[in-house]
Protein backbone atom coordinates (compact mmCIF):
# COMPACT_ATOMS: atom_id res chain seq x y z
CA MET A 1 -0.19 -0.02 -0.08
CA SER A 2 1.35 3.44 -1.09
CA LEU A 3 1.00 6.73 1.04
CA PHE A 4 -1.36 7.78 -2.10
CA ASP A 5 -3.48 5.19 -1.21
CA ILE A 6 -3.75 5.93 2.61
CA MET A 7 -4.09 9.94 2.07
CA GLY A 8 -5.32 10.05 -1.49
CA PRO A 9 -4.15 12.82 -4.36
CA ILE A 10 -3.43 16.56 -3.76
CA MET A 11 -6.53 18.22 -4.87
CA VAL A 12 -9.18 20.96 -4.19
CA GLY A 13 -11.74 18.97 -2.37
CA PRO A 14 -14.45 17.97 -1.33
CA SER A 15 -13.95 14.52 -2.69
CA SER A 16 -11.32 12.64 -4.52
CA SER A 17 -13.90 10.49 -6.22
CA HIS A 18 -16.20 13.53 -7.15
CA THR A 19 -13.94 16.00 -7.37
CA ALA A 20 -10.48 14.81 -8.13
CA GLY A 21 -11.72 11.87 -10.25
CA ALA A 22 -13.85 14.53 -12.20
CA VAL A 23 -11.33 16.53 -12.99
CA LYS A 24 -9.11 13.94 -14.34
CA ILE A 25 -11.86 12.62 -16.38
CA GLY A 26 -12.35 16.24 -18.09
CA ARG A 27 -8.69 16.41 -18.24
CA MET A 28 -8.09 12.98 -20.37
CA ALA A 29 -11.46 13.75 -22.39
CA ARG A 30 -9.70 16.96 -23.36
CA LYS A 31 -6.35 15.00 -24.28
CA LEU A 32 -8.18 12.30 -26.32
CA LEU A 33 -10.22 15.02 -28.41
CA ASP A 34 -6.64 16.09 -29.22
CA GLU A 35 -7.47 19.97 -29.50
CA LYS A 36 -9.19 22.45 -27.50
CA PRO A 37 -13.14 21.96 -26.98
CA ILE A 38 -15.49 24.50 -27.56
CA ASN A 39 -18.61 22.71 -26.76
CA ALA A 40 -19.56 19.93 -24.45
CA SER A 41 -22.45 18.12 -23.67
CA ILE A 42 -21.97 15.98 -20.49
CA ALA A 43 -24.45 13.09 -19.02
CA LEU A 44 -24.05 12.27 -15.18
CA HIS A 45 -25.18 8.75 -13.91
CA GLY A 46 -25.71 7.34 -10.46
CA SER A 47 -23.74 9.24 -7.72
CA PHE A 48 -22.56 11.84 -10.11
CA ALA A 49 -25.92 12.93 -10.65
CA ALA A 50 -27.29 12.50 -7.59
CA THR A 51 -24.79 14.19 -5.23
CA GLY A 52 -22.57 15.78 -7.78
CA VAL A 53 -23.90 19.20 -7.30
CA GLY A 54 -22.79 19.52 -3.69
CA HIS A 55 -19.53 17.91 -4.45
CA GLY A 56 -18.48 20.46 -7.15
CA THR A 57 -18.60 17.50 -9.82
CA ARG A 58 -19.67 19.55 -12.38
CA GLN A 59 -17.36 22.33 -12.09
CA ALA A 60 -14.26 19.56 -11.67
CA LEU A 61 -15.28 18.21 -14.86
CA ILE A 62 -15.18 21.60 -16.74
CA ALA A 63 -12.01 22.45 -15.19
CA GLY A 64 -10.65 19.18 -16.49
CA LEU A 65 -12.01 19.98 -19.93
CA LEU A 66 -10.07 23.19 -19.54
CA GLY A 67 -6.80 21.36 -18.82
CA MET A 68 -6.73 22.35 -15.02
CA SER A 69 -5.05 19.65 -12.53
CA PRO A 70 -6.87 18.36 -9.33
CA ASP A 71 -5.01 20.78 -7.31
CA ASP A 72 -5.79 23.90 -9.23
CA LYS A 73 -7.50 26.39 -7.07
CA ARG A 74 -9.63 27.97 -9.94
CA ILE A 75 -11.32 24.56 -9.77
CA PRO A 76 -14.53 26.21 -7.93
CA THR A 77 -14.80 29.01 -10.44
CA SER A 78 -14.65 26.84 -13.67
CA PHE A 79 -17.67 27.98 -15.01
CA SER A 80 -16.39 31.59 -15.42
CA GLU A 81 -13.05 30.31 -16.75
CA ALA A 82 -15.11 28.18 -19.30
CA GLU A 83 -16.83 31.54 -20.41
CA ARG A 84 -13.41 33.11 -20.83
CA GLU A 85 -12.18 30.47 -22.66
CA GLY A 86 -14.95 30.04 -25.29
CA LEU A 87 -16.31 26.51 -23.88
CA SER A 88 -19.96 26.26 -24.04
CA PHE A 89 -21.36 23.26 -22.23
CA GLU A 90 -24.75 21.42 -20.67
CA PHE A 91 -25.35 18.79 -18.14
CA SER A 92 -28.01 16.28 -18.20
CA ALA A 93 -28.75 13.17 -16.29
CA LYS A 94 -28.71 9.84 -17.97
CA GLN A 95 -29.10 6.27 -16.66
CA MET A 96 -26.30 3.86 -18.22
CA LYS A 97 -26.50 0.25 -17.66
CA ASN A 98 -23.61 -1.84 -15.97
CA VAL A 99 -21.56 1.02 -15.12
CA HIS A 100 -19.88 2.51 -12.16
CA PRO A 101 -22.02 5.05 -10.04
CA ASN A 102 -19.65 7.85 -10.60
CA SER A 103 -19.85 7.99 -14.33
CA ALA A 104 -20.09 10.87 -17.23
CA GLU A 105 -20.46 10.64 -20.67
CA ILE A 106 -19.00 13.33 -22.59
CA SER A 107 -19.57 14.40 -25.87
CA LEU A 108 -16.83 17.23 -27.24
CA ALA A 109 -16.51 19.14 -30.18
CA GLY A 110 -13.13 20.66 -30.81
CA GLU A 111 -12.10 24.27 -32.39
CA HIS A 112 -10.82 22.76 -35.43
CA GLY A 113 -13.85 20.10 -35.92
CA SER A 114 -12.72 17.18 -34.03
CA ARG A 115 -15.51 15.36 -32.51
CA LEU A 116 -15.13 12.64 -29.39
CA THR A 117 -17.62 10.87 -27.41
CA VAL A 118 -15.93 9.46 -24.06
CA ARG A 119 -17.52 7.40 -21.30
CA ALA A 120 -15.50 7.27 -17.95
CA ALA A 121 -15.84 6.63 -14.37
CA SER A 122 -14.23 7.82 -11.33
CA VAL A 123 -13.30 4.66 -9.27
CA GLY A 124 -11.94 6.02 -5.99
CA GLY A 125 -8.94 7.75 -4.75
CA GLY A 126 -8.81 9.90 -7.53
CA ARG A 127 -8.43 7.40 -10.09
CA ILE A 128 -10.32 6.94 -13.00
CA SER A 129 -11.12 4.35 -16.02
CA ILE A 130 -11.95 5.38 -19.53
CA GLU A 131 -14.52 2.88 -20.47
CA GLN A 132 -15.75 3.86 -23.96
CA LEU A 133 -14.38 5.83 -26.63
CA ASP A 134 -16.83 6.65 -29.77
CA GLY A 135 -19.06 3.77 -28.90
CA VAL A 136 -16.20 1.34 -28.62
CA GLU A 137 -15.93 -0.50 -25.21
CA VAL A 138 -12.42 0.12 -24.02
CA ARG A 139 -10.58 -0.02 -20.85
CA PHE A 140 -7.57 2.11 -19.33
CA SER A 141 -6.39 4.43 -16.62
CA GLY A 142 -4.16 6.97 -18.18
CA GLU A 143 -1.71 6.21 -15.54
CA GLN A 144 0.77 4.90 -17.88
CA ASN A 145 2.44 6.54 -21.20
CA THR A 146 -0.71 5.62 -23.47
CA LEU A 147 -1.31 5.41 -27.00
CA VAL A 148 -4.78 5.25 -28.62
CA VAL A 149 -4.99 4.14 -31.82
CA TYR A 150 -8.06 4.20 -34.03
CA ASN A 151 -8.07 1.73 -36.92
CA GLU A 152 -9.92 0.01 -39.44
CA ASP A 153 -10.33 -3.71 -38.62
CA ARG A 154 -7.80 -5.29 -40.99
CA PRO A 155 -4.64 -7.57 -40.81
CA GLY A 156 -1.48 -5.87 -40.27
CA CYS A 157 -2.71 -2.63 -38.34
CA VAL A 158 -1.19 -4.26 -35.19
CA GLY A 159 2.24 -5.13 -36.48
CA SER A 160 2.66 -2.06 -38.07
CA VAL A 161 1.91 -0.02 -35.32
CA ALA A 162 4.09 -2.47 -32.81
CA LYS A 163 6.87 -2.17 -35.24
CA ALA A 164 6.71 1.80 -35.40
CA LEU A 165 7.20 1.81 -31.55
CA SER A 166 10.04 -0.59 -31.64
CA ASP A 167 11.70 1.20 -34.50
CA ALA A 168 11.61 4.23 -32.05
CA GLY A 169 13.25 2.17 -29.43
CA ILE A 170 9.93 2.44 -27.19
CA ASN A 171 8.89 -0.82 -25.65
CA ILE A 172 5.29 -2.02 -25.25
CA ALA A 173 4.31 -2.73 -21.40
CA ASP A 174 0.82 -3.66 -22.16
CA MET A 175 -1.42 -3.77 -25.53
CA THR A 176 -5.47 -4.33 -25.67
CA LEU A 177 -7.40 -4.40 -28.62
CA PHE A 178 -11.31 -3.58 -28.64
CA ARG A 179 -13.59 -3.63 -31.85
CA GLN A 180 -17.23 -2.70 -32.46
CA LYS A 181 -17.39 -5.66 -34.76
CA ARG A 182 -15.34 -7.97 -37.18
CA GLY A 183 -13.89 -5.48 -40.17
CA GLY A 184 -15.46 -2.45 -38.47
CA ARG A 185 -13.44 0.10 -36.45
CA ALA A 186 -11.16 -0.67 -33.76
CA VAL A 187 -9.03 0.79 -31.12
CA MET A 188 -5.56 -0.36 -29.55
CA ILE A 189 -4.80 0.63 -26.13
CA ILE A 190 -0.74 0.75 -26.01
CA GLU A 191 0.85 1.46 -22.83
CA THR A 192 4.62 2.24 -22.78
CA ASP A 193 7.61 2.29 -20.76
CA ARG A 194 8.48 5.54 -21.88
CA PRO A 195 7.02 8.82 -23.52
CA ILE A 196 6.08 8.31 -26.74
CA GLY A 197 7.49 11.40 -29.30
CA MET A 198 4.96 13.27 -31.52
CA ASP A 199 7.47 12.36 -34.66
CA THR A 200 6.38 8.55 -33.80
CA VAL A 201 2.71 9.60 -33.39
CA SER A 202 2.87 11.50 -36.63
CA PHE A 203 4.33 8.58 -38.38
CA ILE A 204 1.73 6.05 -37.11
CA ARG A 205 -1.08 8.33 -38.10
CA GLU A 206 0.21 8.21 -41.71
CA LEU A 207 0.27 3.92 -41.59
CA PRO A 208 -2.54 2.24 -43.94
CA SER A 209 -5.85 1.36 -42.20
CA ILE A 210 -5.01 4.07 -39.27
CA ILE A 211 -7.88 6.52 -38.70
CA LYS A 212 -6.12 8.56 -35.68
CA ALA A 213 -3.74 8.08 -32.99
CA ILE A 214 -3.80 10.09 -29.91
CA CYS A 215 -0.62 10.16 -27.25
CA CYS A 216 -1.23 10.60 -23.53
CA ASN A 217 1.97 10.85 -22.10
CA ILE A 218 2.03 10.89 -18.03
CA GLU A 219 4.17 13.82 -17.38
CA GLU A 220 1.63 15.80 -19.48
CA SER A 221 -1.34 14.77 -17.56
């Protein structure tokens, strides 16, 4: 057991699950969008919907979408910060099946036209789990250097991405593959031992059958 497990994250409170975790969900969603968000539609489930107002969950999610960290003192005033940054948003309650009680589904539009829908949960102690990307069931925490690759479900995609990482001297610590259906859209979640450079990400984006690739290095999170 680590000191983090005992004391929890350094944060602006009151709750590691409803506040710190919510900030991390919003921050990860911004990173996965891969550009500045200008509009957010956020559906809250379970405890997030029931008690989120008192715990500042809504402000925390918006703070994360603005790129703030859990210890940022501006979290309580994130709505005003969003107005200054040109981020419009709306909240709703939504009953979701077979998900964690602290779950949110965020649909984003970016300043250059990118769109993303991400479902994530705050699982305790400030930790999060990303569980769905654009309708594809996934599972990762963002606590490691992570490469998210959307690709067409065709032979050779996994090998070409793995080779690109190997050629860059990057060791794969863990790789998980997800897909909607055979021959449809697939998602690779690749965790690596060290940060992935943007030159490598750019190379992967140009590989055949790759739809997009997004890098989330832990020192950037």
